[in-house]
Amino acid sequence: MKACDLQVNGYAGADFCSLDLSAEQLHSACLALEEDGVDTILATVITDTIDALCEKLSHLVRLREQDPLAMRLIRGFHVEGPFLNPEPGWIGAHPADAVIPANPDDAHRLLDAGNGLVKIVTLAPECDHGMATIKSLSDQGIVVSAGHCNPSLDQLKHAIDHGLRMFTHLGNGCPTMLDRHDNIINRVLHLADQLWIGFIPDGAHVDFFALKHYLTLAGIERAFMVTDAITAARMGPGRHQLSGMEIEVDDQGVARRPGSPYLAGSTITMPKIRENLSQYLGFSGADIDGLISTNPRQALDFTEN
């Protein structure tokens, strides 16, 4: 079964978050994704100013429309930011100086720039006054996902009541040290029956033993895997770019901003995800297909390709 990846920032040397992305780079990335068993992605852009994000989305729209392969493979866009929690740890590798509170007006600008292709918006519920942006986006059929956030349990419940449907890469976008009981991971798992929950199963974003626990609690019927791939996927160690930022990839394939402890996307591919889920978590082929194909499509009401 072909994979559906709801979070791809770039691939095989192409940076989807860059205005310098060329038609040739986009086509090459799509070919590489197809080779790796992927037939559906959401091209993902991360935190920047609203004006810059609108430019990047419009650029992706134009490039996609020029390429039948990209039209087939890129089913839409995932906008991660800029409505995130700007505090250290929660913001991760996103540029905190570009973060703004969630608001419907700017959210609608992003939707317009995406020309109907924005499918997921990741935001911090505690930074959305009255959950107005969540409700507005949800009412328009956009899947609103919480991420890089620290809402209280009550705030999370309130967000779900207003249309929140998903959580972005649980176990990441948070400080390395958390309260032992009342923390964002436990809050999300407590409400797992009401959310689709994404994970990055590369062993760096979440230790495999912890991922096994999370999936046991959440249930694999409501979980899905993403690569969160960046330009460096398939490219090996060294210096790479992500949305204008320099990213350093070590010998283990772990990507960080130079000198920072925070992860900056991933270099994992779908074949490696299949291998990890089998080797480290002991999942069957059918369960793996559910986590990387059936579930993400269901979360967005995509029909099978």
C-alpha atoms as a PDB file:
ATOM      1  CA  MET A   1       0.000   0.000   0.000  1.00  0.00           C
ATOM      2  CA  LYS A   2       1.352   3.434  -0.943  1.00  0.00           C
ATOM      3  CA  ALA A   3       2.009   5.947   1.829  1.00  0.00           C
ATOM      4  CA  CYS A   4       0.295   9.264   2.538  1.00  0.00           C
ATOM      5  CA  ASP A   5       2.549  11.784   4.320  1.00  0.00           C
ATOM      6  CA  LEU A   6       0.827  14.796   5.860  1.00  0.00           C
ATOM      7  CA  GLN A   7       4.000  16.706   6.717  1.00  0.00           C
ATOM      8  CA  VAL A   8       6.784  17.141   4.150  1.00  0.00           C
ATOM      9  CA  ASN A   9       8.836  20.349   4.365  1.00  0.00           C
ATOM     10  CA  GLY A  10      11.143  19.301   1.557  1.00  0.00           C
ATOM     11  CA  TYR A  11      12.821  16.280   0.039  1.00  0.00           C
ATOM     12  CA  ALA A  12      15.901  15.203  -1.871  1.00  0.00           C
ATOM     13  CA  GLY A  13      17.423  18.669  -2.070  1.00  0.00           C
ATOM     14  CA  ALA A  14      14.162  20.592  -2.582  1.00  0.00           C
ATOM     15  CA  ASP A  15      12.990  23.019   0.100  1.00  0.00           C
ATOM     16  CA  PHE A  16       9.229  23.495  -0.128  1.00  0.00           C
ATOM     17  CA  CYS A  17       9.539  26.439   2.298  1.00  0.00           C
ATOM     18  CA  SER A  18      11.749  28.479  -0.054  1.00  0.00           C
ATOM     19  CA  LEU A  19      10.832  31.042  -2.681  1.00  0.00           C
ATOM     20  CA  ASP A  20      13.924  29.822  -4.539  1.00  0.00           C
ATOM     21  CA  LEU A  21      12.314  26.402  -5.059  1.00  0.00           C
ATOM     22  CA  SER A  22      12.440  25.674  -8.783  1.00  0.00           C
ATOM     23  CA  ALA A  23      10.117  23.621 -10.945  1.00  0.00           C
ATOM     24  CA  GLU A  24      12.965  21.182 -11.579  1.00  0.00           C
ATOM     25  CA  GLN A  25      13.640  20.740  -7.851  1.00  0.00           C
ATOM     26  CA  LEU A  26       9.965  20.166  -7.115  1.00  0.00           C
ATOM     27  CA  HIS A  27       9.674  17.574  -9.874  1.00  0.00           C
ATOM     28  CA  SER A  28      12.824  15.798  -8.703  1.00  0.00           C
ATOM     29  CA  ALA A  29      11.506  15.692  -5.124  1.00  0.00           C
ATOM     30  CA  CYS A  30       8.203  14.236  -6.314  1.00  0.00           C
ATOM     31  CA  LEU A  31      10.041  11.547  -8.279  1.00  0.00           C
ATOM     32  CA  ALA A  32      12.073  10.652  -5.194  1.00  0.00           C
ATOM     33  CA  LEU A  33       8.943  10.467  -3.065  1.00  0.00           C
ATOM     34  CA  GLU A  34       7.287   8.182  -5.601  1.00  0.00           C
ATOM     35  CA  GLU A  35      10.369   5.960  -5.609  1.00  0.00           C
ATOM     36  CA  ASP A  36      10.048   5.755  -1.833  1.00  0.00           C
ATOM     37  CA  GLY A  37       6.494   4.449  -2.031  1.00  0.00           C
ATOM     38  CA  VAL A  38       4.606   7.685  -1.401  1.00  0.00           C
ATOM     39  CA  ASP A  39       1.655   8.689  -3.569  1.00  0.00           C
ATOM     40  CA  THR A  40       0.156  11.532  -1.521  1.00  0.00           C
ATOM     41  CA  ILE A  41       1.722  14.354   0.510  1.00  0.00           C
ATOM     42  CA  LEU A  42       0.921  17.688   2.028  1.00  0.00           C
ATOM     43  CA  ALA A  43       3.733  20.093   1.179  1.00  0.00           C
ATOM     44  CA  THR A  44       4.440  21.889   4.429  1.00  0.00           C
ATOM     45  CA  VAL A  45       5.508  25.467   5.115  1.00  0.00           C
ATOM     46  CA  ILE A  46       6.669  26.589   8.544  1.00  0.00           C
ATOM     47  CA  THR A  47       6.565  29.799  10.559  1.00  0.00           C
ATOM     48  CA  ASP A  48       7.377  33.031   8.772  1.00  0.00           C
ATOM     49  CA  THR A  49       5.690  36.410   8.457  1.00  0.00           C
ATOM     50  CA  ILE A  50       2.186  36.272   7.008  1.00  0.00           C
ATOM     51  CA  ASP A  51       3.346  38.123   3.892  1.00  0.00           C
ATOM     52  CA  ALA A  52       6.219  35.660   3.359  1.00  0.00           C
ATOM     53  CA  LEU A  53       3.989  32.630   3.946  1.00  0.00           C
ATOM     54  CA  CYS A  54       1.465  33.931   1.446  1.00  0.00           C
ATOM     55  CA  GLU A  55       4.254  34.347  -1.114  1.00  0.00           C
ATOM     56  CA  LYS A  56       5.530  30.827  -0.461  1.00  0.00           C
ATOM     57  CA  LEU A  57       2.077  29.278  -0.752  1.00  0.00           C
ATOM     58  CA  SER A  58       1.364  31.154  -3.987  1.00  0.00           C
ATOM     59  CA  HIS A  59       4.737  30.011  -5.329  1.00  0.00           C
ATOM     60  CA  LEU A  60       3.917  26.381  -4.514  1.00  0.00           C
ATOM     61  CA  VAL A  61       0.521  26.730  -6.175  1.00  0.00           C
ATOM     62  CA  ARG A  62       2.158  27.998  -9.396  1.00  0.00           C
ATOM     63  CA  LEU A  63       4.846  25.316  -9.486  1.00  0.00           C
ATOM     64  CA  ARG A  64       2.364  22.549  -8.759  1.00  0.00           C
ATOM     65  CA  GLU A  65       0.067  23.650 -11.561  1.00  0.00           C
ATOM     66  CA  GLN A  66       2.951  23.339 -14.065  1.00  0.00           C
ATOM     67  CA  ASP A  67       3.719  19.703 -13.255  1.00  0.00           C
ATOM     68  CA  PRO A  68       1.279  16.770 -13.663  1.00  0.00           C
ATOM     69  CA  LEU A  69       3.336  14.645 -11.243  1.00  0.00           C
ATOM     70  CA  ALA A  70       3.234  17.350  -8.577  1.00  0.00           C
ATOM     71  CA  MET A  71      -0.493  17.817  -9.191  1.00  0.00           C
ATOM     72  CA  ARG A  72      -1.034  14.117  -8.560  1.00  0.00           C
ATOM     73  CA  LEU A  73       1.279  13.717  -5.574  1.00  0.00           C
ATOM     74  CA  ILE A  74       0.858  17.033  -3.710  1.00  0.00           C
ATOM     75  CA  ARG A  75      -2.739  16.808  -2.525  1.00  0.00           C
ATOM     76  CA  GLY A  76      -2.501  20.073  -0.623  1.00  0.00           C
ATOM     77  CA  PHE A  77      -0.580  22.129   1.918  1.00  0.00           C
ATOM     78  CA  HIS A  78       0.064  21.968   5.646  1.00  0.00           C
ATOM     79  CA  VAL A  79       0.719  25.349   7.265  1.00  0.00           C
ATOM     80  CA  GLU A  80       2.669  24.868  10.512  1.00  0.00           C
ATOM     81  CA  GLY A  81       2.744  28.282  12.172  1.00  0.00           C
ATOM     82  CA  PRO A  82       2.963  31.192  12.622  1.00  0.00           C
ATOM     83  CA  PHE A  83       0.251  30.870  15.297  1.00  0.00           C
ATOM     84  CA  LEU A  84       2.434  28.892  17.714  1.00  0.00           C
ATOM     85  CA  ASN A  85       3.597  29.247  21.326  1.00  0.00           C
ATOM     86  CA  PRO A  86       6.739  31.424  21.031  1.00  0.00           C
ATOM     87  CA  GLU A  87       8.315  30.382  24.338  1.00  0.00           C
ATOM     88  CA  PRO A  88      11.655  28.515  24.263  1.00  0.00           C
ATOM     89  CA  GLY A  89      11.148  24.772  24.008  1.00  0.00           C
ATOM     90  CA  TRP A  90       7.604  25.055  22.726  1.00  0.00           C
ATOM     91  CA  ILE A  91       8.648  26.895  19.575  1.00  0.00           C
ATOM     92  CA  GLY A  92      11.396  24.384  18.751  1.00  0.00           C
ATOM     93  CA  ALA A  93      13.362  25.398  15.649  1.00  0.00           C
ATOM     94  CA  HIS A  94      10.668  27.775  14.349  1.00  0.00           C
ATOM     95  CA  PRO A  95      11.717  31.463  14.268  1.00  0.00           C
ATOM     96  CA  ALA A  96      10.077  32.933  17.374  1.00  0.00           C
ATOM     97  CA  ASP A  97      10.302  36.492  16.029  1.00  0.00           C
ATOM     98  CA  ALA A  98       7.797  35.622  13.292  1.00  0.00           C
ATOM     99  CA  VAL A  99       5.192  34.131  15.648  1.00  0.00           C
ATOM    100  CA  ILE A 100       1.915  36.018  16.105  1.00  0.00           C
ATOM    101  CA  PRO A 101      -1.313  35.238  17.993  1.00  0.00           C
ATOM    102  CA  ALA A 102      -3.830  33.249  16.004  1.00  0.00           C
ATOM    103  CA  ASN A 103      -6.500  35.361  14.322  1.00  0.00           C
ATOM    104  CA  PRO A 104      -9.080  34.617  11.627  1.00  0.00           C
ATOM    105  CA  ASP A 105      -8.065  37.481   9.329  1.00  0.00           C
ATOM    106  CA  ASP A 106      -4.483  36.307   8.857  1.00  0.00           C
ATOM    107  CA  ALA A 107      -5.620  32.685   8.684  1.00  0.00           C
ATOM    108  CA  HIS A 108      -7.945  33.587   5.816  1.00  0.00           C
ATOM    109  CA  ARG A 109      -5.079  35.317   4.002  1.00  0.00           C
ATOM    110  CA  LEU A 110      -3.132  32.054   4.149  1.00  0.00           C
ATOM    111  CA  LEU A 111      -6.100  30.087   2.826  1.00  0.00           C
ATOM    112  CA  ASP A 112      -6.514  32.516  -0.060  1.00  0.00           C
ATOM    113  CA  ALA A 113      -2.820  32.301  -0.948  1.00  0.00           C
ATOM    114  CA  GLY A 114      -3.085  28.525  -0.940  1.00  0.00           C
ATOM    115  CA  ASN A 115      -5.864  28.678  -3.548  1.00  0.00           C
ATOM    116  CA  GLY A 116      -8.037  26.112  -1.783  1.00  0.00           C
ATOM    117  CA  LEU A 117      -5.160  23.683  -1.181  1.00  0.00           C
ATOM    118  CA  VAL A 118      -4.478  24.371   2.508  1.00  0.00           C
ATOM    119  CA  LYS A 119      -5.697  21.217   4.251  1.00  0.00           C
ATOM    120  CA  ILE A 120      -4.095  21.447   7.727  1.00  0.00           C
ATOM    121  CA  VAL A 121      -3.203  24.432   9.902  1.00  0.00           C
ATOM    122  CA  THR A 122      -1.103  23.732  12.994  1.00  0.00           C
ATOM    123  CA  LEU A 123      -1.487  26.284  15.781  1.00  0.00           C
ATOM    124  CA  ALA A 124      -1.310  26.716  19.554  1.00  0.00           C
ATOM    125  CA  PRO A 125      -4.838  26.705  21.042  1.00  0.00           C
ATOM    126  CA  GLU A 126      -3.738  28.769  24.040  1.00  0.00           C
ATOM    127  CA  CYS A 127      -2.712  31.517  21.600  1.00  0.00           C
ATOM    128  CA  ASP A 128      -6.129  31.610  19.889  1.00  0.00           C
ATOM    129  CA  HIS A 129      -8.360  33.975  21.867  1.00  0.00           C
ATOM    130  CA  GLY A 130     -11.792  32.438  22.312  1.00  0.00           C
ATOM    131  CA  MET A 131     -10.755  29.662  19.898  1.00  0.00           C
ATOM    132  CA  ALA A 132     -12.026  31.985  17.160  1.00  0.00           C
ATOM    133  CA  THR A 133      -9.445  30.931  14.575  1.00  0.00           C
ATOM    134  CA  ILE A 134      -9.980  27.234  15.251  1.00  0.00           C
ATOM    135  CA  LYS A 135     -13.721  27.636  14.774  1.00  0.00           C
ATOM    136  CA  SER A 136     -13.347  29.762  11.643  1.00  0.00           C
ATOM    137  CA  LEU A 137     -10.940  27.331   9.982  1.00  0.00           C
ATOM    138  CA  SER A 138     -12.913  24.273  11.022  1.00  0.00           C
ATOM    139  CA  ASP A 139     -16.124  25.792   9.666  1.00  0.00           C
ATOM    140  CA  GLN A 140     -14.363  26.063   6.281  1.00  0.00           C
ATOM    141  CA  GLY A 141     -13.379  22.408   6.270  1.00  0.00           C
ATOM    142  CA  ILE A 142      -9.749  22.906   7.290  1.00  0.00           C
ATOM    143  CA  VAL A 143      -8.273  20.330   9.671  1.00  0.00           C
ATOM    144  CA  VAL A 144      -6.969  22.299  12.643  1.00  0.00           C
ATOM    145  CA  SER A 145      -4.113  20.638  14.477  1.00  0.00           C
ATOM    146  CA  ALA A 146      -2.535  21.635  17.785  1.00  0.00           C
ATOM    147  CA  GLY A 147       1.250  21.718  17.898  1.00  0.00           C
ATOM    148  CA  HIS A 148       4.179  23.607  19.393  1.00  0.00           C
ATOM    149  CA  CYS A 149       1.768  24.431  22.173  1.00  0.00           C
ATOM    150  CA  ASN A 150       1.018  24.101  25.872  1.00  0.00           C
ATOM    151  CA  PRO A 151      -2.741  24.387  26.388  1.00  0.00           C
ATOM    152  CA  SER A 152      -4.175  23.291  29.710  1.00  0.00           C
ATOM    153  CA  LEU A 153      -6.476  20.281  29.691  1.00  0.00           C
ATOM    154  CA  ASP A 154      -9.476  22.612  29.828  1.00  0.00           C
ATOM    155  CA  GLN A 155      -8.122  24.696  26.944  1.00  0.00           C
ATOM    156  CA  LEU A 156      -7.551  21.555  24.908  1.00  0.00           C
ATOM    157  CA  LYS A 157     -11.110  20.389  25.573  1.00  0.00           C
ATOM    158  CA  HIS A 158     -12.412  23.848  24.660  1.00  0.00           C
ATOM    159  CA  ALA A 159     -10.419  23.748  21.413  1.00  0.00           C
ATOM    160  CA  ILE A 160     -11.886  20.338  20.532  1.00  0.00           C
ATOM    161  CA  ASP A 161     -15.354  21.707  21.177  1.00  0.00           C
ATOM    162  CA  HIS A 162     -14.586  24.446  18.616  1.00  0.00           C
ATOM    163  CA  GLY A 163     -13.301  22.092  15.934  1.00  0.00           C
ATOM    164  CA  LEU A 164      -9.738  20.989  16.791  1.00  0.00           C
ATOM    165  CA  ARG A 165      -9.266  17.538  15.215  1.00  0.00           C
ATOM    166  CA  MET A 166      -5.572  16.688  15.280  1.00  0.00           C
ATOM    167  CA  PHE A 167      -2.267  16.966  17.133  1.00  0.00           C
ATOM    168  CA  THR A 168       0.982  17.534  15.243  1.00  0.00           C
ATOM    169  CA  HIS A 169       3.966  15.233  16.013  1.00  0.00           C
ATOM    170  CA  LEU A 170       3.209  14.439  19.655  1.00  0.00           C
ATOM    171  CA  GLY A 171       6.305  14.311  21.849  1.00  0.00           C
ATOM    172  CA  ASN A 172       7.951  17.194  19.988  1.00  0.00           C
ATOM    173  CA  GLY A 173       7.519  20.943  19.907  1.00  0.00           C
ATOM    174  CA  CYS A 174       7.874  20.987  23.685  1.00  0.00           C
ATOM    175  CA  PRO A 175      10.715  21.400  26.202  1.00  0.00           C
ATOM    176  CA  THR A 176      12.845  18.392  27.021  1.00  0.00           C
ATOM    177  CA  MET A 177      11.902  18.765  30.723  1.00  0.00           C
ATOM    178  CA  LEU A 178       8.178  18.652  31.597  1.00  0.00           C
ATOM    179  CA  ASP A 179       5.998  18.254  34.677  1.00  0.00           C
ATOM    180  CA  ARG A 180       5.955  14.561  35.466  1.00  0.00           C
ATOM    181  CA  HIS A 181       2.139  14.301  35.380  1.00  0.00           C
ATOM    182  CA  ASP A 182       0.400  17.426  34.054  1.00  0.00           C
ATOM    183  CA  ASN A 183       2.130  17.834  30.708  1.00  0.00           C
ATOM    184  CA  ILE A 184       1.039  18.241  27.114  1.00  0.00           C
ATOM    185  CA  ILE A 185       1.746  14.611  26.208  1.00  0.00           C
ATOM    186  CA  ASN A 186      -0.471  13.237  28.966  1.00  0.00           C
ATOM    187  CA  ARG A 187      -3.203  15.783  28.222  1.00  0.00           C
ATOM    188  CA  VAL A 188      -3.323  14.794  24.552  1.00  0.00           C
ATOM    189  CA  LEU A 189      -3.270  11.083  25.331  1.00  0.00           C
ATOM    190  CA  HIS A 190      -6.125  11.629  27.797  1.00  0.00           C
ATOM    191  CA  LEU A 191      -8.204  13.008  24.898  1.00  0.00           C
ATOM    192  CA  ALA A 192      -6.859  10.621  22.250  1.00  0.00           C
ATOM    193  CA  ASP A 193     -10.321   9.300  21.401  1.00  0.00           C
ATOM    194  CA  GLN A 194     -11.204  12.775  20.092  1.00  0.00           C
ATOM    195  CA  LEU A 195      -8.034  13.549  18.096  1.00  0.00           C
ATOM    196  CA  TRP A 196      -5.937  12.215  15.246  1.00  0.00           C
ATOM    197  CA  ILE A 197      -2.381  12.100  16.587  1.00  0.00           C
ATOM    198  CA  GLY A 198       0.746  12.288  14.449  1.00  0.00           C
ATOM    199  CA  PHE A 199       4.202  10.968  15.318  1.00  0.00           C
ATOM    200  CA  ILE A 200       7.697  11.058  13.761  1.00  0.00           C
ATOM    201  CA  PRO A 201       9.082   7.524  14.232  1.00  0.00           C
ATOM    202  CA  ASP A 202      12.772   8.179  13.601  1.00  0.00           C
ATOM    203  CA  GLY A 203      14.056   7.339  17.084  1.00  0.00           C
ATOM    204  CA  ALA A 204      15.284  10.911  17.588  1.00  0.00           C
ATOM    205  CA  HIS A 205      11.993  12.769  17.892  1.00  0.00           C
ATOM    206  CA  VAL A 206      10.529  10.058  20.142  1.00  0.00           C
ATOM    207  CA  ASP A 207      12.407   7.116  21.646  1.00  0.00           C
ATOM    208  CA  PHE A 208      10.903   3.911  20.313  1.00  0.00           C
ATOM    209  CA  PHE A 209       9.995   2.577  23.761  1.00  0.00           C
ATOM    210  CA  ALA A 210       8.063   5.785  24.470  1.00  0.00           C
ATOM    211  CA  LEU A 211       6.393   5.709  21.066  1.00  0.00           C
ATOM    212  CA  LYS A 212       5.221   2.175  21.799  1.00  0.00           C
ATOM    213  CA  HIS A 213       3.599   3.400  25.033  1.00  0.00           C
ATOM    214  CA  TYR A 214       1.983   6.371  23.317  1.00  0.00           C
ATOM    215  CA  LEU A 215       0.503   4.191  20.588  1.00  0.00           C
ATOM    216  CA  THR A 216      -0.774   1.688  23.142  1.00  0.00           C
ATOM    217  CA  LEU A 217      -2.605   4.503  24.955  1.00  0.00           C
ATOM    218  CA  ALA A 218      -3.811   6.373  21.868  1.00  0.00           C
ATOM    219  CA  GLY A 219      -4.704   3.288  19.852  1.00  0.00           C
ATOM    220  CA  ILE A 220      -3.302   2.787  16.389  1.00  0.00           C
ATOM    221  CA  GLU A 221      -6.728   3.440  14.885  1.00  0.00           C
ATOM    222  CA  ARG A 222      -6.363   7.174  15.697  1.00  0.00           C
ATOM    223  CA  ALA A 223      -2.626   7.547  15.028  1.00  0.00           C
ATOM    224  CA  PHE A 224      -0.591   8.258  11.915  1.00  0.00           C
ATOM    225  CA  MET A 225       3.075   8.638  11.021  1.00  0.00           C
ATOM    226  CA  VAL A 226       4.770  11.509   9.200  1.00  0.00           C
ATOM    227  CA  THR A 227       8.331  11.996   8.038  1.00  0.00           C
ATOM    228  CA  ASP A 228       8.426  15.760   8.759  1.00  0.00           C
ATOM    229  CA  ALA A 229      11.087  15.511   6.060  1.00  0.00           C
ATOM    230  CA  ILE A 230      13.250  18.473   5.135  1.00  0.00           C
ATOM    231  CA  THR A 231      15.537  19.239   2.196  1.00  0.00           C
ATOM    232  CA  ALA A 232      18.170  16.905   3.643  1.00  0.00           C
ATOM    233  CA  ALA A 233      16.042  13.762   3.305  1.00  0.00           C
ATOM    234  CA  ARG A 234      18.010  11.365   1.063  1.00  0.00           C
ATOM    235  CA  MET A 235      20.948  13.812   1.026  1.00  0.00           C
ATOM    236  CA  GLY A 236      23.151  12.623   3.908  1.00  0.00           C
ATOM    237  CA  PRO A 237      25.037  14.531   6.635  1.00  0.00           C
ATOM    238  CA  GLY A 238      26.115  18.151   6.232  1.00  0.00           C
ATOM    239  CA  ARG A 239      24.652  21.648   6.037  1.00  0.00           C
ATOM    240  CA  HIS A 240      21.255  22.139   4.416  1.00  0.00           C
ATOM    241  CA  GLN A 241      18.530  24.790   4.233  1.00  0.00           C
ATOM    242  CA  LEU A 242      15.046  24.913   5.740  1.00  0.00           C
ATOM    243  CA  SER A 243      12.952  28.025   5.131  1.00  0.00           C
ATOM    244  CA  GLY A 244      16.040  30.228   4.963  1.00  0.00           C
ATOM    245  CA  MET A 245      17.624  28.706   8.065  1.00  0.00           C
ATOM    246  CA  GLU A 246      20.844  26.725   8.034  1.00  0.00           C
ATOM    247  CA  ILE A 247      20.337  23.183   9.275  1.00  0.00           C
ATOM    248  CA  GLU A 248      23.073  20.768  10.283  1.00  0.00           C
ATOM    249  CA  VAL A 249      22.529  17.032   9.823  1.00  0.00           C
ATOM    250  CA  ASP A 250      24.785  14.723  11.843  1.00  0.00           C
ATOM    251  CA  ASP A 251      26.060  11.258  10.982  1.00  0.00           C
ATOM    252  CA  GLN A 252      22.917   9.690  12.463  1.00  0.00           C
ATOM    253  CA  GLY A 253      20.717  11.779  10.181  1.00  0.00           C
ATOM    254  CA  VAL A 254      19.452  14.032  12.997  1.00  0.00           C
ATOM    255  CA  ALA A 255      18.770  17.619  11.884  1.00  0.00           C
ATOM    256  CA  ARG A 256      19.254  20.660  14.132  1.00  0.00           C
ATOM    257  CA  ARG A 257      19.994  24.334  13.785  1.00  0.00           C
ATOM    258  CA  PRO A 258      23.757  24.660  14.369  1.00  0.00           C
ATOM    259  CA  GLY A 259      24.476  25.056  18.070  1.00  0.00           C
ATOM    260  CA  SER A 260      20.874  24.365  19.058  1.00  0.00           C
ATOM    261  CA  PRO A 261      19.583  21.335  20.982  1.00  0.00           C
ATOM    262  CA  TYR A 262      16.245  21.542  19.191  1.00  0.00           C
ATOM    263  CA  LEU A 263      15.405  19.240  16.307  1.00  0.00           C
ATOM    264  CA  ALA A 264      14.641  20.879  12.960  1.00  0.00           C
ATOM    265  CA  GLY A 265      12.480  18.505  11.015  1.00  0.00           C
ATOM    266  CA  SER A 266      13.637  15.043  10.047  1.00  0.00           C
ATOM    267  CA  THR A 267      15.574  13.261   7.326  1.00  0.00           C
ATOM    268  CA  ILE A 268      13.652   9.988   7.595  1.00  0.00           C
ATOM    269  CA  THR A 269      11.968   8.430   4.566  1.00  0.00           C
ATOM    270  CA  MET A 270       8.875   6.249   4.372  1.00  0.00           C
ATOM    271  CA  PRO A 271      10.844   3.032   3.689  1.00  0.00           C
ATOM    272  CA  LYS A 272      12.782   3.698   6.904  1.00  0.00           C
ATOM    273  CA  ILE A 273       9.531   4.362   8.789  1.00  0.00           C
ATOM    274  CA  ARG A 274       8.233   0.977   7.638  1.00  0.00           C
ATOM    275  CA  GLU A 275      11.470  -0.636   8.813  1.00  0.00           C
ATOM    276  CA  ASN A 276      11.389   1.121  12.203  1.00  0.00           C
ATOM    277  CA  LEU A 277       7.754   0.257  12.902  1.00  0.00           C
ATOM    278  CA  SER A 278       8.459  -3.372  12.134  1.00  0.00           C
ATOM    279  CA  GLN A 279      11.850  -3.710  13.813  1.00  0.00           C
ATOM    280  CA  TYR A 280      11.443  -1.580  16.925  1.00  0.00           C
ATOM    281  CA  LEU A 281       7.698  -1.693  17.563  1.00  0.00           C
ATOM    282  CA  GLY A 282       6.874  -5.135  16.189  1.00  0.00           C
ATOM    283  CA  PHE A 283       3.951  -4.002  14.035  1.00  0.00           C
ATOM    284  CA  SER A 284       2.532  -6.170  11.292  1.00  0.00           C
ATOM    285  CA  GLY A 285       2.408  -5.061   7.682  1.00  0.00           C
ATOM    286  CA  ALA A 286      -1.320  -4.390   7.997  1.00  0.00           C
ATOM    287  CA  ASP A 287      -0.834  -2.209  11.080  1.00  0.00           C
ATOM    288  CA  ILE A 288       1.965  -0.295   9.370  1.00  0.00           C
ATOM    289  CA  ASP A 289      -0.234   0.311   6.319  1.00  0.00           C
ATOM    290  CA  GLY A 290      -2.880   1.697   8.638  1.00  0.00           C
ATOM    291  CA  LEU A 291      -0.432   4.091  10.297  1.00  0.00           C
ATOM    292  CA  ILE A 292       1.164   5.432   7.109  1.00  0.00           C
ATOM    293  CA  SER A 293      -1.632   5.133   4.558  1.00  0.00           C
ATOM    294  CA  THR A 294      -5.182   4.431   5.697  1.00  0.00           C
ATOM    295  CA  ASN A 295      -5.268   6.606   8.818  1.00  0.00           C
ATOM    296  CA  PRO A 296      -3.769   9.811   7.386  1.00  0.00           C
ATOM    297  CA  ARG A 297      -6.156   9.596   4.438  1.00  0.00           C
ATOM    298  CA  GLN A 298      -9.101   9.100   6.780  1.00  0.00           C
ATOM    299  CA  ALA A 299      -8.006  12.051   8.896  1.00  0.00           C
ATOM    300  CA  LEU A 300      -8.355  14.316   5.878  1.00  0.00           C
ATOM    301  CA  ASP A 301     -11.200  12.429   4.182  1.00  0.00           C
ATOM    302  CA  PHE A 302      -8.926  11.632   1.252  1.00  0.00           C
ATOM    303  CA  THR A 303     -10.047   8.754  -0.903  1.00  0.00           C
ATOM    304  CA  GLU A 304      -7.514   6.062  -1.733  1.00  0.00           C
ATOM    305  CA  ASN A 305      -5.473   6.851  -4.840  1.00  0.00           C
END
